[in-house]
C-alpha atoms as a PDB file:
ATOM      1  CA  MET A   1       4.061  28.985 -46.260  1.00  0.00           C
ATOM      2  CA  ALA A   2       6.557  31.391 -44.643  1.00  0.00           C
ATOM      3  CA  SER A   3       4.232  31.863 -41.681  1.00  0.00           C
ATOM      4  CA  ARG A   4       4.038  28.067 -41.289  1.00  0.00           C
ATOM      5  CA  LYS A   5       7.858  27.810 -41.215  1.00  0.00           C
ATOM      6  CA  LEU A   6       7.950  30.637 -38.682  1.00  0.00           C
ATOM      7  CA  LEU A   7       5.349  28.837 -36.553  1.00  0.00           C
ATOM      8  CA  LEU A   8       7.317  25.569 -36.731  1.00  0.00           C
ATOM      9  CA  GLY A   9      10.503  27.445 -35.810  1.00  0.00           C
ATOM     10  CA  LEU A  10       8.794  29.041 -32.796  1.00  0.00           C
ATOM     11  CA  THR A  11       7.393  25.673 -31.709  1.00  0.00           C
ATOM     12  CA  ALA A  12      10.836  24.048 -31.978  1.00  0.00           C
ATOM     13  CA  GLY A  13      12.319  26.934 -29.990  1.00  0.00           C
ATOM     14  CA  ARG A  14       9.730  26.488 -27.245  1.00  0.00           C
ATOM     15  CA  ARG A  15      10.437  22.752 -27.091  1.00  0.00           C
ATOM     16  CA  LEU A  16      14.174  23.435 -26.823  1.00  0.00           C
ATOM     17  CA  ARG A  17      13.600  25.936 -23.995  1.00  0.00           C
ATOM     18  CA  SER A  18      11.258  23.485 -22.247  1.00  0.00           C
ATOM     19  CA  ARG A  19      13.780  20.648 -22.486  1.00  0.00           C
ATOM     20  CA  THR A  20      16.570  22.967 -21.378  1.00  0.00           C
ATOM     21  CA  ARG A  21      14.518  23.857 -18.279  1.00  0.00           C
ATOM     22  CA  GLN A  22      13.996  20.144 -17.602  1.00  0.00           C
ATOM     23  CA  LEU A  23      17.728  19.531 -17.890  1.00  0.00           C
ATOM     24  CA  PHE A  24      18.468  22.403 -15.534  1.00  0.00           C
ATOM     25  CA  SER A  25      15.898  21.074 -13.058  1.00  0.00           C
ATOM     26  CA  ALA A  26      17.719  17.743 -13.169  1.00  0.00           C
ATOM     27  CA  ALA A  27      21.021  19.584 -12.724  1.00  0.00           C
ATOM     28  CA  ASN A  28      19.583  21.374  -9.663  1.00  0.00           C
ATOM     29  CA  LEU A  29      18.571  18.017  -8.212  1.00  0.00           C
ATOM     30  CA  LEU A  30      22.079  16.709  -8.853  1.00  0.00           C
ATOM     31  CA  GLU A  31      23.466  19.856  -7.245  1.00  0.00           C
ATOM     32  CA  ALA A  32      21.375  19.311  -4.125  1.00  0.00           C
ATOM     33  CA  THR A  33      22.485  15.710  -3.770  1.00  0.00           C
ATOM     34  CA  THR A  34      26.159  15.822  -4.696  1.00  0.00           C
ATOM     35  CA  SER A  35      28.809  18.418  -4.101  1.00  0.00           C
ATOM     36  CA  PRO A  36      28.679  21.944  -2.686  1.00  0.00           C
ATOM     37  CA  SER A  37      31.236  22.946  -5.341  1.00  0.00           C
ATOM     38  CA  LEU A  38      28.733  22.349  -8.179  1.00  0.00           C
ATOM     39  CA  PRO A  39      27.047  25.821  -7.977  1.00  0.00           C
ATOM     40  CA  ALA A  40      30.409  27.506  -8.421  1.00  0.00           C
ATOM     41  CA  ALA A  41      31.180  25.276 -11.396  1.00  0.00           C
ATOM     42  CA  ALA A  42      27.777  26.046 -12.929  1.00  0.00           C
ATOM     43  CA  ALA A  43      28.317  29.787 -12.428  1.00  0.00           C
ATOM     44  CA  THR A  44      31.653  29.688 -14.242  1.00  0.00           C
ATOM     45  CA  ALA A  45      30.098  27.635 -17.045  1.00  0.00           C
ATOM     46  CA  GLN A  46      27.511  30.346 -17.936  1.00  0.00           C
ATOM     47  CA  PRO A  47      28.651  32.052 -21.147  1.00  0.00           C
ATOM     48  CA  SER A  48      28.311  35.827 -20.963  1.00  0.00           C
ATOM     49  CA  GLY A  49      24.911  36.855 -22.257  1.00  0.00           C
ATOM     50  CA  GLY A  50      24.279  33.327 -23.507  1.00  0.00           C
ATOM     51  CA  SER A  51      20.959  31.626 -23.862  1.00  0.00           C
ATOM     52  CA  PRO A  52      20.075  28.413 -21.990  1.00  0.00           C
ATOM     53  CA  ALA A  53      20.774  26.504 -25.218  1.00  0.00           C
ATOM     54  CA  ALA A  54      24.254  28.059 -25.407  1.00  0.00           C
ATOM     55  CA  LEU A  55      24.865  27.003 -21.819  1.00  0.00           C
ATOM     56  CA  LEU A  56      23.616  23.511 -22.578  1.00  0.00           C
ATOM     57  CA  PHE A  57      26.060  23.009 -25.435  1.00  0.00           C
ATOM     58  CA  SER A  58      28.977  25.004 -24.014  1.00  0.00           C
ATOM     59  CA  PRO A  59      32.257  23.028 -23.777  1.00  0.00           C
ATOM     60  CA  ARG A  60      32.825  24.648 -20.388  1.00  0.00           C
ATOM     61  CA  THR A  61      29.544  23.163 -19.141  1.00  0.00           C
ATOM     62  CA  ILE A  62      30.677  19.705 -20.147  1.00  0.00           C
ATOM     63  CA  SER A  63      34.040  20.130 -18.411  1.00  0.00           C
ATOM     64  CA  SER A  64      32.377  21.516 -15.267  1.00  0.00           C
ATOM     65  CA  THR A  65      30.060  18.508 -15.263  1.00  0.00           C
ATOM     66  CA  ARG A  66      33.118  16.262 -15.322  1.00  0.00           C
ATOM     67  CA  GLN A  67      34.569  18.219 -12.406  1.00  0.00           C
ATOM     68  CA  ALA A  68      31.348  17.840 -10.450  1.00  0.00           C
ATOM     69  CA  ALA A  69      31.308  14.113 -11.091  1.00  0.00           C
ATOM     70  CA  GLN A  70      34.878  13.829  -9.849  1.00  0.00           C
ATOM     71  CA  SER A  71      34.230  15.935  -6.751  1.00  0.00           C
ATOM     72  CA  ALA A  72      31.005  14.039  -6.016  1.00  0.00           C
ATOM     73  CA  GLY A  73      33.188  11.350  -4.452  1.00  0.00           C
ATOM     74  CA  ASP A  74      34.178  13.943  -1.849  1.00  0.00           C
ATOM     75  CA  ALA A  75      30.562  14.559  -0.912  1.00  0.00           C
ATOM     76  CA  PRO A  76      29.380  12.904   2.289  1.00  0.00           C
ATOM     77  CA  GLY A  77      27.590   9.646   1.513  1.00  0.00           C
ATOM     78  CA  PRO A  78      25.588   7.368   3.785  1.00  0.00           C
ATOM     79  CA  SER A  79      27.214   6.934   7.146  1.00  0.00           C
ATOM     80  CA  THR A  80      29.279   3.804   7.453  1.00  0.00           C
ATOM     81  CA  VAL A  81      28.442   1.148   9.981  1.00  0.00           C
ATOM     82  CA  ASP A  82      30.383   1.430  13.215  1.00  0.00           C
ATOM     83  CA  HIS A  83      31.204  -2.210  13.889  1.00  0.00           C
ATOM     84  CA  LYS A  84      31.978  -1.422  17.535  1.00  0.00           C
ATOM     85  CA  LEU A  85      28.292  -0.663  18.054  1.00  0.00           C
ATOM     86  CA  ILE A  86      27.005  -3.854  16.398  1.00  0.00           C
ATOM     87  CA  MET A  87      25.905  -6.575  18.760  1.00  0.00           C
ATOM     88  CA  PRO A  88      28.355  -9.495  18.809  1.00  0.00           C
ATOM     89  CA  GLU A  89      27.080 -12.378  16.705  1.00  0.00           C
ATOM     90  CA  ASP A  90      27.024 -14.919  19.532  1.00  0.00           C
ATOM     91  CA  GLU A  91      24.973 -12.540  21.693  1.00  0.00           C
ATOM     92  CA  PHE A  92      22.545 -11.954  18.812  1.00  0.00           C
ATOM     93  CA  HIS A  93      22.041 -15.723  18.328  1.00  0.00           C
ATOM     94  CA  LYS A  94      21.492 -16.205  22.061  1.00  0.00           C
ATOM     95  CA  LEU A  95      18.826 -13.472  22.245  1.00  0.00           C
ATOM     96  CA  ALA A  96      17.133 -14.372  18.946  1.00  0.00           C
ATOM     97  CA  ASP A  97      17.072 -18.132  19.667  1.00  0.00           C
ATOM     98  CA  GLU A  98      15.664 -17.423  23.128  1.00  0.00           C
ATOM     99  CA  ILE A  99      12.683 -15.439  21.809  1.00  0.00           C
ATOM    100  CA  ILE A 100      12.015 -17.774  18.882  1.00  0.00           C
ATOM    101  CA  HIS A 101      12.072 -20.926  21.050  1.00  0.00           C
ATOM    102  CA  ASP A 102       9.934 -19.206  23.687  1.00  0.00           C
ATOM    103  CA  LEU A 103       7.380 -18.236  21.014  1.00  0.00           C
ATOM    104  CA  LEU A 104       7.469 -21.767  19.586  1.00  0.00           C
ATOM    105  CA  GLY A 105       6.603 -23.337  22.955  1.00  0.00           C
ATOM    106  CA  LYS A 106       3.850 -20.858  23.807  1.00  0.00           C
ATOM    107  CA  LEU A 107       2.280 -21.002  20.334  1.00  0.00           C
ATOM    108  CA  GLU A 108       2.239 -24.828  20.447  1.00  0.00           C
ATOM    109  CA  GLU A 109       0.351 -24.653  23.790  1.00  0.00           C
ATOM    110  CA  TYR A 110      -2.004 -22.049  22.347  1.00  0.00           C
ATOM    111  CA  GLY A 111      -2.709 -24.200  19.282  1.00  0.00           C
ATOM    112  CA  ASP A 112      -3.519 -27.198  21.502  1.00  0.00           C
ATOM    113  CA  SER A 113      -5.893 -25.096  23.604  1.00  0.00           C
ATOM    114  CA  ILE A 114      -7.928 -23.581  20.760  1.00  0.00           C
ATOM    115  CA  GLN A 115      -8.174 -26.698  18.514  1.00  0.00           C
ATOM    116  CA  MET A 116      -8.431 -24.618  15.347  1.00  0.00           C
ATOM    117  CA  ASP A 117      -8.560 -26.238  11.902  1.00  0.00           C
ATOM    118  CA  GLY A 118      -5.441 -25.465   9.883  1.00  0.00           C
ATOM    119  CA  PHE A 119      -3.394 -24.342  12.926  1.00  0.00           C
ATOM    120  CA  ASP A 120       0.142 -25.651  12.450  1.00  0.00           C
ATOM    121  CA  ILE A 121       3.479 -24.539  13.813  1.00  0.00           C
ATOM    122  CA  ASP A 122       6.860 -25.589  12.491  1.00  0.00           C
ATOM    123  CA  TYR A 123      10.475 -24.691  13.264  1.00  0.00           C
ATOM    124  CA  GLY A 124      13.303 -25.678  10.933  1.00  0.00           C
ATOM    125  CA  ASN A 125      16.423 -24.084   9.418  1.00  0.00           C
ATOM    126  CA  GLN A 126      16.085 -21.231  11.942  1.00  0.00           C
ATOM    127  CA  VAL A 127      12.654 -20.301  10.548  1.00  0.00           C
ATOM    128  CA  LEU A 128       9.497 -20.361  12.653  1.00  0.00           C
ATOM    129  CA  THR A 129       6.345 -20.811  10.550  1.00  0.00           C
ATOM    130  CA  LEU A 130       2.857 -20.462  12.014  1.00  0.00           C
ATOM    131  CA  ARG A 131      -0.004 -21.442   9.715  1.00  0.00           C
ATOM    132  CA  LEU A 132      -3.504 -20.375  10.649  1.00  0.00           C
ATOM    133  CA  GLY A 133      -5.371 -22.155   7.863  1.00  0.00           C
ATOM    134  CA  ASP A 134      -7.329 -19.734   5.673  1.00  0.00           C
ATOM    135  CA  LEU A 135      -6.378 -16.830   7.969  1.00  0.00           C
ATOM    136  CA  GLY A 136      -2.802 -16.701   6.736  1.00  0.00           C
ATOM    137  CA  THR A 137       0.761 -17.618   7.656  1.00  0.00           C
ATOM    138  CA  TYR A 138       3.345 -15.988   9.917  1.00  0.00           C
ATOM    139  CA  VAL A 139       7.051 -16.474   9.208  1.00  0.00           C
ATOM    140  CA  LEU A 140       9.703 -15.451  11.720  1.00  0.00           C
ATOM    141  CA  ASN A 141      13.425 -15.786  11.023  1.00  0.00           C
ATOM    142  CA  LYS A 142      16.829 -14.470  12.039  1.00  0.00           C
ATOM    143  CA  GLN A 143      18.807 -12.090   9.839  1.00  0.00           C
ATOM    144  CA  THR A 144      22.282 -12.441  11.322  1.00  0.00           C
ATOM    145  CA  PRO A 145      24.171  -9.822   9.222  1.00  0.00           C
ATOM    146  CA  ASN A 146      21.652  -7.144  10.296  1.00  0.00           C
ATOM    147  CA  ARG A 147      21.251  -8.547  13.833  1.00  0.00           C
ATOM    148  CA  GLN A 148      17.493  -8.489  13.274  1.00  0.00           C
ATOM    149  CA  ILE A 149      14.491 -10.769  13.499  1.00  0.00           C
ATOM    150  CA  TRP A 150      12.287 -10.505  10.432  1.00  0.00           C
ATOM    151  CA  LEU A 151       8.559 -11.144  10.581  1.00  0.00           C
ATOM    152  CA  SER A 152       6.166 -11.695   7.704  1.00  0.00           C
ATOM    153  CA  SER A 153       2.593 -11.203   8.893  1.00  0.00           C
ATOM    154  CA  PRO A 154      -0.694 -11.741   7.020  1.00  0.00           C
ATOM    155  CA  VAL A 155      -2.034  -8.700   8.898  1.00  0.00           C
ATOM    156  CA  SER A 156       0.747  -6.108   9.142  1.00  0.00           C
ATOM    157  CA  GLY A 157       3.098  -7.329   6.397  1.00  0.00           C
ATOM    158  CA  PRO A 158       6.891  -7.462   6.704  1.00  0.00           C
ATOM    159  CA  SER A 159       8.686  -6.037   9.751  1.00  0.00           C
ATOM    160  CA  ARG A 160      12.302  -5.999  10.927  1.00  0.00           C
ATOM    161  CA  PHE A 161      12.865  -6.101  14.656  1.00  0.00           C
ATOM    162  CA  ASP A 162      16.020  -4.893  16.425  1.00  0.00           C
ATOM    163  CA  TRP A 163      17.032  -5.763  19.971  1.00  0.00           C
ATOM    164  CA  ASP A 164      16.449  -2.835  22.319  1.00  0.00           C
ATOM    165  CA  ALA A 165      18.864  -3.248  25.219  1.00  0.00           C
ATOM    166  CA  ALA A 166      17.164  -0.493  27.246  1.00  0.00           C
ATOM    167  CA  THR A 167      13.831  -2.376  27.410  1.00  0.00           C
ATOM    168  CA  ASN A 168      15.079  -5.927  26.677  1.00  0.00           C
ATOM    169  CA  VAL A 169      12.572  -6.466  23.870  1.00  0.00           C
ATOM    170  CA  TRP A 170      12.626  -6.778  20.077  1.00  0.00           C
ATOM    171  CA  ILE A 171      11.343  -3.512  18.557  1.00  0.00           C
ATOM    172  CA  TYR A 172      10.320  -2.526  15.022  1.00  0.00           C
ATOM    173  CA  ARG A 173      11.995   0.896  14.912  1.00  0.00           C
ATOM    174  CA  ARG A 174       9.740   2.305  12.185  1.00  0.00           C
ATOM    175  CA  THR A 175       6.573   1.955  14.269  1.00  0.00           C
ATOM    176  CA  GLY A 176       7.890   1.259  17.776  1.00  0.00           C
ATOM    177  CA  ALA A 177       5.983  -2.056  17.835  1.00  0.00           C
ATOM    178  CA  ASN A 178       7.107  -4.734  20.275  1.00  0.00           C
ATOM    179  CA  LEU A 179       7.437  -8.152  18.549  1.00  0.00           C
ATOM    180  CA  VAL A 180       5.690 -10.173  21.250  1.00  0.00           C
ATOM    181  CA  GLN A 181       2.878  -7.651  21.777  1.00  0.00           C
ATOM    182  CA  LEU A 182       2.301  -7.389  18.017  1.00  0.00           C
ATOM    183  CA  LEU A 183       1.985 -11.177  17.723  1.00  0.00           C
ATOM    184  CA  GLU A 184      -0.323 -11.382  20.746  1.00  0.00           C
ATOM    185  CA  LYS A 185      -2.626  -8.715  19.307  1.00  0.00           C
ATOM    186  CA  GLU A 186      -2.748 -10.015  15.735  1.00  0.00           C
ATOM    187  CA  ILE A 187      -2.980 -13.749  16.466  1.00  0.00           C
ATOM    188  CA  GLY A 188      -5.539 -13.208  19.237  1.00  0.00           C
ATOM    189  CA  GLU A 189      -7.735 -11.146  16.908  1.00  0.00           C
ATOM    190  CA  LEU A 190      -7.362 -13.549  13.966  1.00  0.00           C
ATOM    191  CA  CYS A 191      -8.143 -16.653  16.024  1.00  0.00           C
ATOM    192  CA  GLY A 192     -10.787 -15.022  18.207  1.00  0.00           C
ATOM    193  CA  THR A 193      -9.057 -16.173  21.419  1.00  0.00           C
ATOM    194  CA  PRO A 194      -6.515 -14.108  23.386  1.00  0.00           C
ATOM    195  CA  VAL A 195      -2.966 -15.478  23.444  1.00  0.00           C
ATOM    196  CA  GLU A 196      -0.315 -14.880  26.123  1.00  0.00           C
ATOM    197  CA  LEU A 197       3.207 -14.913  24.619  1.00  0.00           C
ATOM    198  CA  SER A 198       5.169 -12.805  27.107  1.00  0.00           C
END
């Protein structure tokens, strides 16, 4: 009976140490993502010769946590948007409308030339929708606050294209894909007939 109590006590002690380690791992993650002053606060919170459990329940630990939370506001966060570098809204609309209307005209001609069942193109409420029957649907629209053109593709999924003034094309920065070239490749492969959109 006594040995069973001892065993239960040891098991509870191991669980406490395990959970304490988990808490300290979380504290290390917080330390890495918040304030450089947190290590100093944690060092001052360590009771002399104390166990991890003593540190966990120490009043100084709690107060140092409060300090870290207050100083976390001083830590550098995500960089703010420099509005001087954002494209003016009227310029964005001019460039975005130009590419969308150009794509609309060329895709209408392409649809007439291939005579494919289910091919339908529509433009309304600043959204260009290209239906390819059972092959899927493309949706292209402007996102004015971000100064982006968003594309939903049945092949490559969602993409967000930014205007690249150096090359004068809409580019998906994550992959470097050019909007027009991406559409030419995907639509040509889906429909089995090359399409010229540039």
